[in-house]
N, C-alpha and C. Protein backbone atom coordinates (compact mmCIF):
# COMPACT_ATOMS: atom_id res chain seq x y z
N UNK A 1 57.19 7.06 98.14
CA UNK A 1 57.44 5.87 96.90
C UNK A 1 57.08 6.50 95.48
N UNK A 2 56.46 7.22 95.54
CA UNK A 2 56.28 7.96 94.08
C UNK A 2 56.93 7.99 93.04
N UNK A 3 57.61 9.21 93.66
CA UNK A 3 59.17 9.55 93.05
C UNK A 3 59.64 8.91 92.56
N UNK A 4 59.74 7.54 93.69
CA UNK A 4 61.16 6.68 93.20
C UNK A 4 60.39 5.58 91.96
N UNK A 5 59.49 5.42 92.03
CA UNK A 5 58.52 4.51 91.43
C UNK A 5 58.86 5.21 89.81
N UNK A 6 59.10 6.59 89.99
CA UNK A 6 59.12 7.28 88.76
C UNK A 6 60.10 7.18 88.27
N UNK A 7 61.06 7.55 88.92
CA UNK A 7 62.64 7.74 88.88
C UNK A 7 63.00 6.30 87.98
N UNK A 8 62.86 5.30 88.68
CA UNK A 8 62.78 4.22 88.25
C UNK A 8 62.62 3.74 86.95
N UNK A 9 61.35 4.18 86.69
CA UNK A 9 61.04 3.92 85.60
C UNK A 9 61.76 4.29 84.20
N UNK A 10 62.45 5.90 84.20
CA UNK A 10 62.54 6.68 83.79
C UNK A 10 63.80 6.25 83.55
N UNK A 11 64.49 6.00 84.70
CA UNK A 11 65.78 5.73 84.14
C UNK A 11 65.69 3.85 83.28
N UNK A 12 65.03 3.58 82.88
CA UNK A 12 64.84 2.34 82.12
C UNK A 12 65.07 1.10 83.07
N UNK A 13 64.76 0.72 84.57
CA UNK A 13 65.05 -0.50 84.97
C UNK A 13 64.03 -1.19 84.43
N UNK A 14 64.27 -2.44 84.42
CA UNK A 14 63.57 -2.94 83.68
C UNK A 14 62.17 -3.86 85.14
N UNK A 15 61.13 -3.79 85.18
CA UNK A 15 59.78 -3.91 85.86
C UNK A 15 59.74 -5.39 86.53
N UNK A 16 60.81 -6.59 85.92
CA UNK A 16 61.36 -7.21 87.08
C UNK A 16 61.81 -7.32 88.00
N UNK A 17 63.10 -6.26 88.25
CA UNK A 17 63.99 -5.51 89.24
C UNK A 17 63.53 -4.36 90.20
N UNK A 18 62.38 -3.84 89.79
CA UNK A 18 61.92 -2.55 89.83
C UNK A 18 61.64 -3.01 91.96
N UNK A 19 61.16 -3.70 92.30
CA UNK A 19 61.18 -3.80 93.80
C UNK A 19 62.44 -3.69 94.83
N UNK A 20 63.43 -4.80 93.53
CA UNK A 20 64.95 -4.92 94.12
C UNK A 20 65.84 -3.79 94.31
N UNK A 21 65.44 -3.02 93.67
CA UNK A 21 65.92 -1.55 93.63
C UNK A 21 65.59 -0.54 94.41
N UNK A 22 64.22 -0.54 94.58
CA UNK A 22 63.31 -0.16 95.53
C UNK A 22 63.65 -0.48 96.90
N UNK A 23 64.11 -2.07 97.30
CA UNK A 23 64.17 -1.96 98.71
C UNK A 23 65.98 -2.41 98.88
N UNK A 24 66.53 -1.63 97.52
CA UNK A 24 67.74 -1.31 97.91
C UNK A 24 68.30 -0.13 98.15
N UNK A 25 67.55 0.81 97.70
CA UNK A 25 67.25 2.16 98.10
C UNK A 25 67.16 2.57 99.44
N UNK A 26 66.08 1.93 99.83
CA UNK A 26 65.86 2.12 101.10
C UNK A 26 66.24 1.50 102.54
N UNK A 27 67.42 0.43 102.42
CA UNK A 27 67.81 0.26 102.77
C UNK A 27 69.33 1.14 103.08
N UNK A 28 69.64 1.51 102.63
CA UNK A 28 70.72 2.09 101.91
C UNK A 28 70.33 3.49 102.81
N UNK A 29 69.20 3.94 102.12
CA UNK A 29 68.81 5.31 102.99
C UNK A 29 68.86 5.22 104.80
N UNK A 30 67.83 3.62 105.04
CA UNK A 30 68.63 4.08 106.14
C UNK A 30 69.71 3.56 107.20
N UNK A 31 70.28 3.03 106.70
CA UNK A 31 71.91 2.89 107.11
C UNK A 31 72.18 4.23 106.96
N UNK A 32 72.30 4.78 106.11
CA UNK A 32 72.82 6.44 106.19
C UNK A 32 72.40 7.33 107.52
N UNK A 33 71.22 7.08 107.31
CA UNK A 33 70.35 7.61 109.09
C UNK A 33 70.76 7.24 109.94
N UNK A 34 70.75 5.31 110.37
CA UNK A 34 71.32 5.37 111.85
C UNK A 34 72.87 5.61 111.63
N UNK A 35 73.62 6.12 110.50
CA UNK A 35 75.02 6.10 111.08
C UNK A 35 76.05 7.21 111.45
N UNK A 36 74.35 8.58 110.29
CA UNK A 36 74.68 9.73 110.96
C UNK A 36 74.15 10.03 112.04
N UNK A 37 73.24 9.44 112.76
CA UNK A 37 72.74 9.49 114.08
C UNK A 37 73.71 9.00 115.20
N UNK A 38 74.49 8.38 114.90
CA UNK A 38 75.25 7.66 116.27
C UNK A 38 77.18 7.76 115.63
N UNK A 39 77.11 8.70 114.96
CA UNK A 39 78.78 8.82 114.00
C UNK A 39 79.49 9.11 115.07
N UNK A 40 78.92 9.69 116.95
CA UNK A 40 80.04 9.92 117.56
C UNK A 40 79.76 8.80 118.11
N UNK A 41 79.25 7.87 118.37
CA UNK A 41 78.80 7.04 118.90
C UNK A 41 79.58 5.27 118.95
N UNK A 42 79.82 5.82 117.18
CA UNK A 42 79.80 4.30 117.14
C UNK A 42 79.27 3.47 116.22
N UNK A 43 78.94 3.10 115.47
CA UNK A 43 77.65 2.53 114.88
C UNK A 43 77.87 1.37 115.77
N UNK A 44 78.81 0.19 115.89
CA UNK A 44 79.03 -0.95 116.47
C UNK A 44 78.59 -1.32 118.03
N UNK A 45 79.38 0.31 118.12
CA UNK A 45 78.74 0.63 119.58
C UNK A 45 77.59 0.12 120.57
N UNK A 46 76.55 1.14 119.19
CA UNK A 46 75.27 1.68 119.75
C UNK A 46 74.45 0.69 119.20
N UNK A 47 74.66 -0.50 118.60
CA UNK A 47 73.99 -1.53 117.94
C UNK A 47 74.01 -3.30 119.75
N UNK A 48 75.10 -2.77 120.09
CA UNK A 48 75.92 -3.92 120.81
C UNK A 48 75.28 -3.66 122.29
N UNK A 49 75.01 -2.08 121.95
CA UNK A 49 73.80 -1.47 123.84
C UNK A 49 72.64 -1.79 123.19
N UNK A 50 72.02 -1.81 122.36
CA UNK A 50 70.79 -2.48 122.08
C UNK A 50 70.52 -3.92 122.64
N UNK A 51 71.58 -4.13 121.53
CA UNK A 51 71.19 -5.79 122.15
C UNK A 51 71.53 -6.36 123.63
N UNK A 52 72.21 -5.49 124.21
CA UNK A 52 72.68 -5.82 125.68
C UNK A 52 71.70 -5.21 126.86
N UNK A 53 70.86 -4.42 126.26
CA UNK A 53 69.65 -3.73 126.82
C UNK A 53 68.20 -4.85 127.30
N UNK A 54 68.20 -5.49 125.59
CA UNK A 54 67.27 -6.03 125.64
C UNK A 54 67.82 -8.04 126.02
N UNK A 55 68.93 -8.42 126.61
CA UNK A 55 68.89 -9.48 127.15
C UNK A 55 69.41 -8.88 128.42
N UNK A 56 69.75 -8.21 128.50
CA UNK A 56 69.78 -8.05 129.95
C UNK A 56 71.80 -8.09 130.59
N UNK A 57 71.85 -8.59 129.58
CA UNK A 57 73.65 -8.69 129.57
C UNK A 57 74.22 -6.91 129.73
N UNK A 58 75.24 -7.03 130.96
CA UNK A 58 76.08 -6.19 130.54
C UNK A 58 75.26 -4.40 131.23
């Protein structure tokens, strides 16, 4: 997080947007990680499988 904070400051992002920018970067990184892990089975399929396990349907 320190590297991210420093990079945001060096890029000249206004301090009011720091939290927003960090949130967007973290969400994108998580999405890329999930996509990379599930690219063979498909992201949508894996999410539906998880939902079915939680609800007990299908």
